[in-house]
Amino acid sequence: MLVNNAGLGLGTQIQTMTAKAWDKSMDLNTRSPLFLTQALLELLKAKATLDDPSRIIFISSVAASGVLPSVLAYSTSKKALEHLTPSLALALTDDLFVLTQSRQGAFTQK
């Protein structure tokens, strides 16, 4: 099982957002899960059986479902991740994979 649970929510508004902040959000929240999944595909495929397929879970955010201009890059990157999940599921249909996604809400880190 692979759980892609990366997330970085920078405060990025259109008036002040930099290309660096945009790229950081997209790299961590969208690119990293994609390329980690790609890197582990053969290992996951080798472990999969008809009774116990390999599972890949993508953790998204409620920010992907709303219009949140204060976290523009984060919400966009998580929406992209939500589009990526069914695309990969379709691409891996014949390889004994189950792909799911979960939207998580806000939490306080201590």
PDB file of N, CA and C in Angstrom:
ATOM      1  N   MET A   1       0.847  -1.169   0.000  1.00  0.00           N
ATOM      2  CA  MET A   1       0.000   0.000   0.000  1.00  0.00           C
ATOM      3  C   MET A   1       0.894   1.233   0.000  1.00  0.00           C
ATOM      4  N   LEU A   2       0.488   2.189  -0.807  1.00  0.00           N
ATOM      5  CA  LEU A   2       1.170   3.479  -0.853  1.00  0.00           C
ATOM      6  C   LEU A   2       0.160   4.550  -0.482  1.00  0.00           C
ATOM      7  N   VAL A   3       0.488   5.353   0.511  1.00  0.00           N
ATOM      8  CA  VAL A   3      -0.355   6.485   0.895  1.00  0.00           C
ATOM      9  C   VAL A   3       0.417   7.753   0.567  1.00  0.00           C
ATOM     10  N   ASN A   4      -0.068   8.486  -0.417  1.00  0.00           N
ATOM     11  CA  ASN A   4       0.523   9.766  -0.802  1.00  0.00           C
ATOM     12  C   ASN A   4      -0.122  10.849   0.047  1.00  0.00           C
ATOM     13  N   ASN A   5       0.581  11.293   1.070  1.00  0.00           N
ATOM     14  CA  ASN A   5       0.015  12.229   2.032  1.00  0.00           C
ATOM     15  C   ASN A   5       0.892  13.466   2.175  1.00  0.00           C
ATOM     16  N   ALA A   6       1.260  14.053   1.067  1.00  0.00           N
ATOM     17  CA  ALA A   6       2.054  15.278   1.105  1.00  0.00           C
ATOM     18  C   ALA A   6       1.125  16.480   1.100  1.00  0.00           C
ATOM     19  N   GLY A   7       1.529  17.513   1.782  1.00  0.00           N
ATOM     20  CA  GLY A   7       0.715  18.717   1.761  1.00  0.00           C
ATOM     21  C   GLY A   7       1.452  19.904   2.330  1.00  0.00           C
ATOM     22  N   LEU A   8       1.435  20.985   1.585  1.00  0.00           N
ATOM     23  CA  LEU A   8       2.020  22.238   2.032  1.00  0.00           C
ATOM     24  C   LEU A   8       1.080  23.345   1.607  1.00  0.00           C
ATOM     25  N   GLY A   9       0.518  24.032   2.563  1.00  0.00           N
ATOM     26  CA  GLY A   9      -0.438  25.095   2.264  1.00  0.00           C
ATOM     27  C   GLY A   9       0.155  26.467   2.501  1.00  0.00           C
ATOM     28  N   LEU A  10       0.789  26.998   1.491  1.00  0.00           N
ATOM     29  CA  LEU A  10       1.327  28.352   1.592  1.00  0.00           C
ATOM     30  C   LEU A  10       0.208  29.359   1.380  1.00  0.00           C
ATOM     31  N   GLY A  11       0.267  30.463   2.074  1.00  0.00           N
ATOM     32  CA  GLY A  11      -0.675  31.545   1.812  1.00  0.00           C
ATOM     33  C   GLY A  11      -0.287  32.222   0.506  1.00  0.00           C
ATOM     34  N   THR A  12      -1.036  31.953  -0.543  1.00  0.00           N
ATOM     35  CA  THR A  12      -0.688  32.486  -1.870  1.00  0.00           C
ATOM     36  C   THR A  12      -1.901  33.163  -2.478  1.00  0.00           C
ATOM     37  N   GLN A  13      -1.859  34.472  -2.501  1.00  0.00           N
ATOM     38  CA  GLN A  13      -2.908  35.254  -3.143  1.00  0.00           C
ATOM     39  C   GLN A  13      -2.370  35.769  -4.467  1.00  0.00           C
ATOM     40  N   ILE A  14      -3.241  35.995  -5.410  1.00  0.00           N
ATOM     41  CA  ILE A  14      -2.817  36.406  -6.748  1.00  0.00           C
ATOM     42  C   ILE A  14      -1.987  37.694  -6.720  1.00  0.00           C
ATOM     43  N   GLN A  15      -2.300  38.588  -5.809  1.00  0.00           N
ATOM     44  CA  GLN A  15      -1.606  39.872  -5.764  1.00  0.00           C
ATOM     45  C   GLN A  15      -0.145  39.744  -5.321  1.00  0.00           C
ATOM     46  N   THR A  16       0.171  38.731  -4.534  1.00  0.00           N
ATOM     47  CA  THR A  16       1.515  38.633  -3.960  1.00  0.00           C
ATOM     48  C   THR A  16       2.223  37.314  -4.244  1.00  0.00           C
ATOM     49  N   MET A  17       1.576  36.393  -4.907  1.00  0.00           N
ATOM     50  CA  MET A  17       2.161  35.075  -5.141  1.00  0.00           C
ATOM     51  C   MET A  17       3.365  35.167  -6.067  1.00  0.00           C
ATOM     52  N   THR A  18       4.377  34.371  -5.753  1.00  0.00           N
ATOM     53  CA  THR A  18       5.560  34.294  -6.604  1.00  0.00           C
ATOM     54  C   THR A  18       5.556  32.973  -7.370  1.00  0.00           C
ATOM     55  N   ALA A  19       6.321  32.934  -8.431  1.00  0.00           N
ATOM     56  CA  ALA A  19       6.461  31.689  -9.191  1.00  0.00           C
ATOM     57  C   ALA A  19       7.081  30.603  -8.313  1.00  0.00           C
ATOM     58  N   LYS A  20       7.973  30.991  -7.430  1.00  0.00           N
ATOM     59  CA  LYS A  20       8.615  30.025  -6.531  1.00  0.00           C
ATOM     60  C   LYS A  20       7.588  29.382  -5.598  1.00  0.00           C
ATOM     61  N   ALA A  21       6.686  30.181  -5.040  1.00  0.00           N
ATOM     62  CA  ALA A  21       5.649  29.644  -4.147  1.00  0.00           C
ATOM     63  C   ALA A  21       4.696  28.732  -4.920  1.00  0.00           C
ATOM     64  N   TRP A  22       4.314  29.142  -6.125  1.00  0.00           N
ATOM     65  CA  TRP A  22       3.442  28.314  -6.968  1.00  0.00           C
ATOM     66  C   TRP A  22       4.109  26.969  -7.251  1.00  0.00           C
ATOM     67  N   ASP A  23       5.369  27.032  -7.700  1.00  0.00           N
ATOM     68  CA  ASP A  23       6.096  25.808  -8.034  1.00  0.00           C
ATOM     69  C   ASP A  23       6.276  24.901  -6.819  1.00  0.00           C
ATOM     70  N   LYS A  24       6.533  25.481  -5.661  1.00  0.00           N
ATOM     71  CA  LYS A  24       6.710  24.683  -4.443  1.00  0.00           C
ATOM     72  C   LYS A  24       5.433  23.918  -4.104  1.00  0.00           C
ATOM     73  N   SER A  25       4.295  24.590  -4.211  1.00  0.00           N
ATOM     74  CA  SER A  25       3.017  23.923  -3.944  1.00  0.00           C
ATOM     75  C   SER A  25       2.746  22.819  -4.956  1.00  0.00           C
ATOM     76  N   MET A  26       2.930  23.110  -6.226  1.00  0.00           N
ATOM     77  CA  MET A  26       2.673  22.111  -7.260  1.00  0.00           C
ATOM     78  C   MET A  26       3.650  20.937  -7.156  1.00  0.00           C
ATOM     79  N   ASP A  27       4.918  21.243  -6.871  1.00  0.00           N
ATOM     80  CA  ASP A  27       5.915  20.178  -6.749  1.00  0.00           C
ATOM     81  C   ASP A  27       5.590  19.229  -5.600  1.00  0.00           C
ATOM     82  N   LEU A  28       5.291  19.774  -4.436  1.00  0.00           N
ATOM     83  CA  LEU A  28       5.051  18.916  -3.276  1.00  0.00           C
ATOM     84  C   LEU A  28       3.681  18.246  -3.323  1.00  0.00           C
ATOM     85  N   ASN A  29       2.657  18.983  -3.692  1.00  0.00           N
ATOM     86  CA  ASN A  29       1.284  18.483  -3.582  1.00  0.00           C
ATOM     87  C   ASN A  29       0.813  17.674  -4.786  1.00  0.00           C
ATOM     88  N   THR A  30       1.433  17.854  -5.946  1.00  0.00           N
ATOM     89  CA  THR A  30       0.978  17.160  -7.152  1.00  0.00           C
ATOM     90  C   THR A  30       2.084  16.322  -7.798  1.00  0.00           C
ATOM     91  N   ARG A  31       3.208  16.934  -8.077  1.00  0.00           N
ATOM     92  CA  ARG A  31       4.297  16.206  -8.754  1.00  0.00           C
ATOM     93  C   ARG A  31       4.869  15.080  -7.897  1.00  0.00           C
ATOM     94  N   SER A  32       5.119  15.363  -6.628  1.00  0.00           N
ATOM     95  CA  SER A  32       5.728  14.344  -5.756  1.00  0.00           C
ATOM     96  C   SER A  32       4.887  13.074  -5.659  1.00  0.00           C
ATOM     97  N   PRO A  33       3.571  13.174  -5.408  1.00  0.00           N
ATOM     98  CA  PRO A  33       2.773  11.944  -5.382  1.00  0.00           C
ATOM     99  C   PRO A  33       2.791  11.191  -6.719  1.00  0.00           C
ATOM    100  N   LEU A  34       2.767  11.930  -7.815  1.00  0.00           N
ATOM    101  CA  LEU A  34       2.793  11.290  -9.130  1.00  0.00           C
ATOM    102  C   LEU A  34       4.086  10.506  -9.330  1.00  0.00           C
ATOM    103  N   PHE A  35       5.212  11.149  -9.094  1.00  0.00           N
ATOM    104  CA  PHE A  35       6.479  10.497  -9.397  1.00  0.00           C
ATOM    105  C   PHE A  35       6.886   9.467  -8.341  1.00  0.00           C
ATOM    106  N   LEU A  36       6.423   9.614  -7.110  1.00  0.00           N
ATOM    107  CA  LEU A  36       6.629   8.554  -6.123  1.00  0.00           C
ATOM    108  C   LEU A  36       5.835   7.313  -6.526  1.00  0.00           C
ATOM    109  N   THR A  37       4.602   7.526  -6.948  1.00  0.00           N
ATOM    110  CA  THR A  37       3.776   6.414  -7.426  1.00  0.00           C
ATOM    111  C   THR A  37       4.448   5.727  -8.612  1.00  0.00           C
ATOM    112  N   GLN A  38       4.924   6.511  -9.552  1.00  0.00           N
ATOM    113  CA  GLN A  38       5.603   5.950 -10.721  1.00  0.00           C
ATOM    114  C   GLN A  38       6.827   5.128 -10.306  1.00  0.00           C
ATOM    115  N   ALA A  39       7.599   5.645  -9.365  1.00  0.00           N
ATOM    116  CA  ALA A  39       8.815   4.957  -8.930  1.00  0.00           C
ATOM    117  C   ALA A  39       8.518   3.625  -8.240  1.00  0.00           C
ATOM    118  N   LEU A  40       7.355   3.521  -7.602  1.00  0.00           N
ATOM    119  CA  LEU A  40       7.018   2.311  -6.850  1.00  0.00           C
ATOM    120  C   LEU A  40       6.078   1.357  -7.587  1.00  0.00           C
ATOM    121  N   LEU A  41       5.696   1.684  -8.809  1.00  0.00           N
ATOM    122  CA  LEU A  41       4.726   0.861  -9.535  1.00  0.00           C
ATOM    123  C   LEU A  41       5.139  -0.603  -9.654  1.00  0.00           C
ATOM    124  N   GLU A  42       6.355  -0.851 -10.056  1.00  0.00           N
ATOM    125  CA  GLU A  42       6.781  -2.243 -10.266  1.00  0.00           C
ATOM    126  C   GLU A  42       6.778  -3.031  -8.959  1.00  0.00           C
ATOM    127  N   LEU A  43       7.218  -2.412  -7.878  1.00  0.00           N
ATOM    128  CA  LEU A  43       7.199  -3.081  -6.577  1.00  0.00           C
ATOM    129  C   LEU A  43       5.767  -3.375  -6.138  1.00  0.00           C
ATOM    130  N   LEU A  44       4.890  -2.398  -6.275  1.00  0.00           N
ATOM    131  CA  LEU A  44       3.487  -2.590  -5.901  1.00  0.00           C
ATOM    132  C   LEU A  44       2.818  -3.646  -6.778  1.00  0.00           C
ATOM    133  N   LYS A  45       3.127  -3.616  -8.056  1.00  0.00           N
ATOM    134  CA  LYS A  45       2.551  -4.587  -8.990  1.00  0.00           C
ATOM    135  C   LYS A  45       3.008  -6.004  -8.650  1.00  0.00           C
ATOM    136  N   ALA A  46       4.260  -6.153  -8.265  1.00  0.00           N
ATOM    137  CA  ALA A  46       4.799  -7.477  -7.930  1.00  0.00           C
ATOM    138  C   ALA A  46       4.127  -8.067  -6.695  1.00  0.00           C
ATOM    139  N   LYS A  47       3.658  -7.223  -5.801  1.00  0.00           N
ATOM    140  CA  LYS A  47       3.014  -7.689  -4.561  1.00  0.00           C
ATOM    141  C   LYS A  47       1.511  -7.926  -4.723  1.00  0.00           C
ATOM    142  N   ALA A  48       0.932  -7.473  -5.811  1.00  0.00           N
ATOM    143  CA  ALA A  48      -0.522  -7.528  -5.992  1.00  0.00           C
ATOM    144  C   ALA A  48      -0.990  -8.923  -6.386  1.00  0.00           C
ATOM    145  N   THR A  49      -2.172  -9.288  -5.874  1.00  0.00           N
ATOM    146  CA  THR A  49      -2.836 -10.527  -6.275  1.00  0.00           C
ATOM    147  C   THR A  49      -4.299 -10.204  -6.565  1.00  0.00           C
ATOM    148  N   LEU A  50      -5.000 -11.154  -7.163  1.00  0.00           N
ATOM    149  CA  LEU A  50      -6.427 -10.947  -7.413  1.00  0.00           C
ATOM    150  C   LEU A  50      -7.197 -10.730  -6.115  1.00  0.00           C
ATOM    151  N   ASP A  51      -6.820 -11.451  -5.072  1.00  0.00           N
ATOM    152  CA  ASP A  51      -7.498 -11.327  -3.779  1.00  0.00           C
ATOM    153  C   ASP A  51      -7.041 -10.117  -2.976  1.00  0.00           C
ATOM    154  N   ASP A  52      -5.857  -9.635  -3.262  1.00  0.00           N
ATOM    155  CA  ASP A  52      -5.293  -8.521  -2.504  1.00  0.00           C
ATOM    156  C   ASP A  52      -4.532  -7.582  -3.439  1.00  0.00           C
ATOM    157  N   PRO A  53      -5.264  -6.757  -4.195  1.00  0.00           N
ATOM    158  CA  PRO A  53      -4.603  -5.842  -5.118  1.00  0.00           C
ATOM    159  C   PRO A  53      -3.807  -4.777  -4.358  1.00  0.00           C
ATOM    160  N   SER A  54      -2.843  -4.206  -5.022  1.00  0.00           N
ATOM    161  CA  SER A  54      -2.096  -3.104  -4.412  1.00  0.00           C
ATOM    162  C   SER A  54      -2.979  -1.873  -4.349  1.00  0.00           C
ATOM    163  N   ARG A  55      -2.849  -1.160  -3.260  1.00  0.00           N
ATOM    164  CA  ARG A  55      -3.664   0.030  -3.054  1.00  0.00           C
ATOM    165  C   ARG A  55      -2.782   1.267  -3.071  1.00  0.00           C
ATOM    166  N   ILE A  56      -3.278   2.285  -3.760  1.00  0.00           N
ATOM    167  CA  ILE A  56      -2.609   3.579  -3.789  1.00  0.00           C
ATOM    168  C   ILE A  56      -3.647   4.605  -3.368  1.00  0.00           C
ATOM    169  N   ILE A  57      -3.330   5.337  -2.323  1.00  0.00           N
ATOM    170  CA  ILE A  57      -4.261   6.319  -1.774  1.00  0.00           C
ATOM    171  C   ILE A  57      -3.639   7.701  -1.905  1.00  0.00           C
ATOM    172  N   PHE A  58      -4.430   8.622  -2.406  1.00  0.00           N
ATOM    173  CA  PHE A  58      -4.000  10.006  -2.533  1.00  0.00           C
ATOM    174  C   PHE A  58      -4.801  10.848  -1.549  1.00  0.00           C
ATOM    175  N   ILE A  59      -4.102  11.561  -0.687  1.00  0.00           N
ATOM    176  CA  ILE A  59      -4.765  12.416   0.286  1.00  0.00           C
ATOM    177  C   ILE A  59      -4.872  13.817  -0.300  1.00  0.00           C
ATOM    178  N   SER A  60      -6.099  14.266  -0.443  1.00  0.00           N
ATOM    179  CA  SER A  60      -6.360  15.598  -0.972  1.00  0.00           C
ATOM    180  C   SER A  60      -6.767  16.509   0.181  1.00  0.00           C
ATOM    181  N   SER A  61      -7.560  17.482  -0.123  1.00  0.00           N
ATOM    182  CA  SER A  61      -7.956  18.462   0.886  1.00  0.00           C
ATOM    183  C   SER A  61      -9.310  19.043   0.521  1.00  0.00           C
ATOM    184  N   VAL A  62     -10.050  19.449   1.535  1.00  0.00           N
ATOM    185  CA  VAL A  62     -11.307  20.144   1.260  1.00  0.00           C
ATOM    186  C   VAL A  62     -11.051  21.431   0.485  1.00  0.00           C
ATOM    187  N   ALA A  63      -9.822  21.916   0.514  1.00  0.00           N
ATOM    188  CA  ALA A  63      -9.473  23.120  -0.250  1.00  0.00           C
ATOM    189  C   ALA A  63      -9.644  22.902  -1.751  1.00  0.00           C
ATOM    190  N   ALA A  64      -9.598  21.653  -2.197  1.00  0.00           N
ATOM    191  CA  ALA A  64      -9.759  21.360  -3.622  1.00  0.00           C
ATOM    192  C   ALA A  64     -11.185  21.567  -4.100  1.00  0.00           C
ATOM    193  N   SER A  65     -12.126  21.559  -3.180  1.00  0.00           N
ATOM    194  CA  SER A  65     -13.531  21.654  -3.585  1.00  0.00           C
ATOM    195  C   SER A  65     -14.103  23.055  -3.446  1.00  0.00           C
ATOM    196  N   GLY A  66     -13.335  23.959  -2.896  1.00  0.00           N
ATOM    197  CA  GLY A  66     -13.853  25.307  -2.694  1.00  0.00           C
ATOM    198  C   GLY A  66     -13.054  26.339  -3.464  1.00  0.00           C
ATOM    199  N   VAL A  67     -13.554  27.530  -3.454  1.00  0.00           N
ATOM    200  CA  VAL A  67     -12.844  28.656  -4.055  1.00  0.00           C
ATOM    201  C   VAL A  67     -12.183  29.405  -2.905  1.00  0.00           C
ATOM    202  N   LEU A  68     -10.878  29.262  -2.806  1.00  0.00           N
ATOM    203  CA  LEU A  68     -10.130  29.821  -1.680  1.00  0.00           C
ATOM    204  C   LEU A  68      -8.988  30.691  -2.197  1.00  0.00           C
ATOM    205  N   PRO A  69      -9.259  31.945  -2.499  1.00  0.00           N
ATOM    206  CA  PRO A  69      -8.220  32.795  -3.080  1.00  0.00           C
ATOM    207  C   PRO A  69      -7.023  33.045  -2.167  1.00  0.00           C
ATOM    208  N   SER A  70      -7.162  32.780  -0.874  1.00  0.00           N
ATOM    209  CA  SER A  70      -6.031  33.009   0.037  1.00  0.00           C
ATOM    210  C   SER A  70      -5.000  31.879  -0.011  1.00  0.00           C
ATOM    211  N   VAL A  71      -5.369  30.745  -0.570  1.00  0.00           N
ATOM    212  CA  VAL A  71      -4.442  29.615  -0.742  1.00  0.00           C
ATOM    213  C   VAL A  71      -4.553  29.096  -2.181  1.00  0.00           C
ATOM    214  N   LEU A  72      -4.401  29.992  -3.111  1.00  0.00           N
ATOM    215  CA  LEU A  72      -4.611  29.709  -4.531  1.00  0.00           C
ATOM    216  C   LEU A  72      -3.762  28.532  -5.024  1.00  0.00           C
ATOM    217  N   ALA A  73      -2.477  28.548  -4.733  1.00  0.00           N
ATOM    218  CA  ALA A  73      -1.597  27.480  -5.223  1.00  0.00           C
ATOM    219  C   ALA A  73      -1.935  26.140  -4.576  1.00  0.00           C
ATOM    220  N   TYR A  74      -2.190  26.146  -3.283  1.00  0.00           N
ATOM    221  CA  TYR A  74      -2.506  24.906  -2.566  1.00  0.00           C
ATOM    222  C   TYR A  74      -3.789  24.281  -3.090  1.00  0.00           C
ATOM    223  N   SER A  75      -4.849  25.071  -3.165  1.00  0.00           N
ATOM    224  CA  SER A  75      -6.131  24.510  -3.602  1.00  0.00           C
ATOM    225  C   SER A  75      -6.058  24.025  -5.046  1.00  0.00           C
ATOM    226  N   THR A  76      -5.329  24.740  -5.888  1.00  0.00           N
ATOM    227  CA  THR A  76      -5.169  24.314  -7.277  1.00  0.00           C
ATOM    228  C   THR A  76      -4.369  23.014  -7.365  1.00  0.00           C
ATOM    229  N   SER A  77      -3.314  22.903  -6.574  1.00  0.00           N
ATOM    230  CA  SER A  77      -2.490  21.686  -6.614  1.00  0.00           C
ATOM    231  C   SER A  77      -3.257  20.471  -6.102  1.00  0.00           C
ATOM    232  N   LYS A  78      -4.105  20.656  -5.108  1.00  0.00           N
ATOM    233  CA  LYS A  78      -4.901  19.538  -4.592  1.00  0.00           C
ATOM    234  C   LYS A  78      -6.019  19.164  -5.566  1.00  0.00           C
ATOM    235  N   LYS A  79      -6.575  20.148  -6.273  1.00  0.00           N
ATOM    236  CA  LYS A  79      -7.567  19.840  -7.307  1.00  0.00           C
ATOM    237  C   LYS A  79      -6.905  19.049  -8.435  1.00  0.00           C
ATOM    238  N   ALA A  80      -5.690  19.427  -8.785  1.00  0.00           N
ATOM    239  CA  ALA A  80      -4.952  18.680  -9.810  1.00  0.00           C
ATOM    240  C   ALA A  80      -4.711  17.241  -9.360  1.00  0.00           C
ATOM    241  N   LEU A  81      -4.394  17.058  -8.084  1.00  0.00           N
ATOM    242  CA  LEU A  81      -4.203  15.711  -7.544  1.00  0.00           C
ATOM    243  C   LEU A  81      -5.488  14.898  -7.651  1.00  0.00           C
ATOM    244  N   GLU A  82      -6.617  15.538  -7.406  1.00  0.00           N
ATOM    245  CA  GLU A  82      -7.903  14.841  -7.518  1.00  0.00           C
ATOM    246  C   GLU A  82      -8.221  14.453  -8.959  1.00  0.00           C
ATOM    247  N   HIS A  83      -7.727  15.195  -9.910  1.00  0.00           N
ATOM    248  CA  HIS A  83      -7.904  14.817 -11.314  1.00  0.00           C
ATOM    249  C   HIS A  83      -6.924  13.697 -11.689  1.00  0.00           C
ATOM    250  N   LEU A  84      -5.753  13.750 -11.102  1.00  0.00           N
ATOM    251  CA  LEU A  84      -4.731  12.745 -11.379  1.00  0.00           C
ATOM    252  C   LEU A  84      -5.167  11.347 -10.934  1.00  0.00           C
ATOM    253  N   THR A  85      -5.837  11.255  -9.797  1.00  0.00           N
ATOM    254  CA  THR A  85      -6.202   9.955  -9.229  1.00  0.00           C
ATOM    255  C   THR A  85      -7.035   9.096 -10.182  1.00  0.00           C
ATOM    256  N   PRO A  86      -8.172   9.575 -10.701  1.00  0.00           N
ATOM    257  CA  PRO A  86      -8.929   8.716 -11.622  1.00  0.00           C
ATOM    258  C   PRO A  86      -8.205   8.485 -12.948  1.00  0.00           C
ATOM    259  N   SER A  87      -7.379   9.428 -13.357  1.00  0.00           N
ATOM    260  CA  SER A  87      -6.599   9.229 -14.582  1.00  0.00           C
ATOM    261  C   SER A  87      -5.629   8.066 -14.414  1.00  0.00           C
ATOM    262  N   LEU A  88      -4.953   8.022 -13.275  1.00  0.00           N
ATOM    263  CA  LEU A  88      -4.044   6.905 -13.003  1.00  0.00           C
ATOM    264  C   LEU A  88      -4.805   5.599 -12.820  1.00  0.00           C
ATOM    265  N   ALA A  89      -5.949   5.663 -12.166  1.00  0.00           N
ATOM    266  CA  ALA A  89      -6.761   4.450 -11.977  1.00  0.00           C
ATOM    267  C   ALA A  89      -7.125   3.838 -13.324  1.00  0.00           C
ATOM    268  N   LEU A  90      -7.502   4.667 -14.264  1.00  0.00           N
ATOM    269  CA  LEU A  90      -7.839   4.180 -15.595  1.00  0.00           C
ATOM    270  C   LEU A  90      -6.605   3.618 -16.300  1.00  0.00           C
ATOM    271  N   ALA A  91      -5.482   4.298 -16.154  1.00  0.00           N
ATOM    272  CA  ALA A  91      -4.248   3.838 -16.795  1.00  0.00           C
ATOM    273  C   ALA A  91      -3.759   2.511 -16.221  1.00  0.00           C
ATOM    274  N   LEU A  92      -4.100   2.234 -14.964  1.00  0.00           N
ATOM    275  CA  LEU A  92      -3.618   1.024 -14.290  1.00  0.00           C
ATOM    276  C   LEU A  92      -4.693  -0.046 -14.149  1.00  0.00           C
ATOM    277  N   THR A  93      -5.743   0.044 -14.929  1.00  0.00           N
ATOM    278  CA  THR A  93      -6.877  -0.872 -14.831  1.00  0.00           C
ATOM    279  C   THR A  93      -6.469  -2.339 -14.896  1.00  0.00           C
ATOM    280  N   ASP A  94      -5.535  -2.678 -15.735  1.00  0.00           N
ATOM    281  CA  ASP A  94      -5.166  -4.080 -15.946  1.00  0.00           C
ATOM    282  C   ASP A  94      -4.078  -4.590 -15.004  1.00  0.00           C
ATOM    283  N   ASP A  95      -3.648  -3.792 -14.054  1.00  0.00           N
ATOM    284  CA  ASP A  95      -2.479  -4.146 -13.251  1.00  0.00           C
ATOM    285  C   ASP A  95      -2.758  -4.434 -11.778  1.00  0.00           C
ATOM    286  N   LEU A  96      -3.979  -4.794 -11.418  1.00  0.00           N
ATOM    287  CA  LEU A  96      -4.323  -5.168 -10.042  1.00  0.00           C
ATOM    288  C   LEU A  96      -4.051  -4.052  -9.035  1.00  0.00           C
ATOM    289  N   PHE A  97      -4.487  -2.852  -9.372  1.00  0.00           N
ATOM    290  CA  PHE A  97      -4.366  -1.713  -8.474  1.00  0.00           C
ATOM    291  C   PHE A  97      -5.750  -1.204  -8.101  1.00  0.00           C
ATOM    292  N   VAL A  98      -5.867  -0.715  -6.891  1.00  0.00           N
ATOM    293  CA  VAL A  98      -7.048   0.017  -6.454  1.00  0.00           C
ATOM    294  C   VAL A  98      -6.554   1.395  -6.039  1.00  0.00           C
ATOM    295  N   LEU A  99      -7.054   2.424  -6.700  1.00  0.00           N
ATOM    296  CA  LEU A  99      -6.664   3.789  -6.368  1.00  0.00           C
ATOM    297  C   LEU A  99      -7.850   4.511  -5.759  1.00  0.00           C
ATOM    298  N   THR A 100      -7.603   5.208  -4.678  1.00  0.00           N
ATOM    299  CA  THR A 100      -8.645   5.995  -4.028  1.00  0.00           C
ATOM    300  C   THR A 100      -8.056   7.325  -3.596  1.00  0.00           C
ATOM    301  N   GLN A 101      -8.962   8.231  -3.303  1.00  0.00           N
ATOM    302  CA  GLN A 101      -8.523   9.510  -2.752  1.00  0.00           C
ATOM    303  C   GLN A 101      -9.413   9.864  -1.575  1.00  0.00           C
ATOM    304  N   SER A 102      -8.877  10.678  -0.725  1.00  0.00           N
ATOM    305  CA  SER A 102      -9.602  11.110   0.461  1.00  0.00           C
ATOM    306  C   SER A 102      -9.381  12.602   0.641  1.00  0.00           C
ATOM    307  N   ARG A 103     -10.446  13.315   0.908  1.00  0.00           N
ATOM    308  CA  ARG A 103     -10.334  14.753   1.190  1.00  0.00           C
ATOM    309  C   ARG A 103     -10.282  14.959   2.690  1.00  0.00           C
ATOM    310  N   GLN A 104      -9.237  15.581   3.133  1.00  0.00           N
ATOM    311  CA  GLN A 104      -9.066  15.855   4.557  1.00  0.00           C
ATOM    312  C   GLN A 104      -9.385  17.320   4.843  1.00  0.00           C
ATOM    313  N   GLY A 105      -9.852  17.563   6.034  1.00  0.00           N
ATOM    314  CA  GLY A 105     -10.154  18.923   6.460  1.00  0.00           C
ATOM    315  C   GLY A 105      -8.989  19.536   7.212  1.00  0.00           C
ATOM    316  N   ALA A 106      -9.216  20.704   7.730  1.00  0.00           N
ATOM    317  CA  ALA A 106      -8.180  21.427   8.465  1.00  0.00           C
ATOM    318  C   ALA A 106      -7.916  20.763   9.810  1.00  0.00           C
ATOM    319  N   PHE A 107      -6.685  20.869  10.254  1.00  0.00           N
ATOM    320  CA  PHE A 107      -6.327  20.386  11.580  1.00  0.00           C
ATOM    321  C   PHE A 107      -5.227  21.274  12.131  1.00  0.00           C
ATOM    322  N   THR A 108      -5.071  21.253  13.421  1.00  0.00           N
ATOM    323  CA  THR A 108      -4.036  22.037  14.077  1.00  0.00           C
ATOM    324  C   THR A 108      -2.855  21.140  14.389  1.00  0.00           C
ATOM    325  N   GLN A 109      -1.682  21.584  13.987  1.00  0.00           N
ATOM    326  CA  GLN A 109      -0.468  20.815  14.241  1.00  0.00           C
ATOM    327  C   GLN A 109       0.157  21.294  15.541  1.00  0.00           C
ATOM    328  N   LYS A 110       0.542  20.360  16.396  1.00  0.00           N
ATOM    329  CA  LYS A 110       1.182  20.722  17.670  1.00  0.00           C
ATOM    330  C   LYS A 110       2.549  20.122  17.761  1.00  0.00           C
TER     331      LYS A 110
END
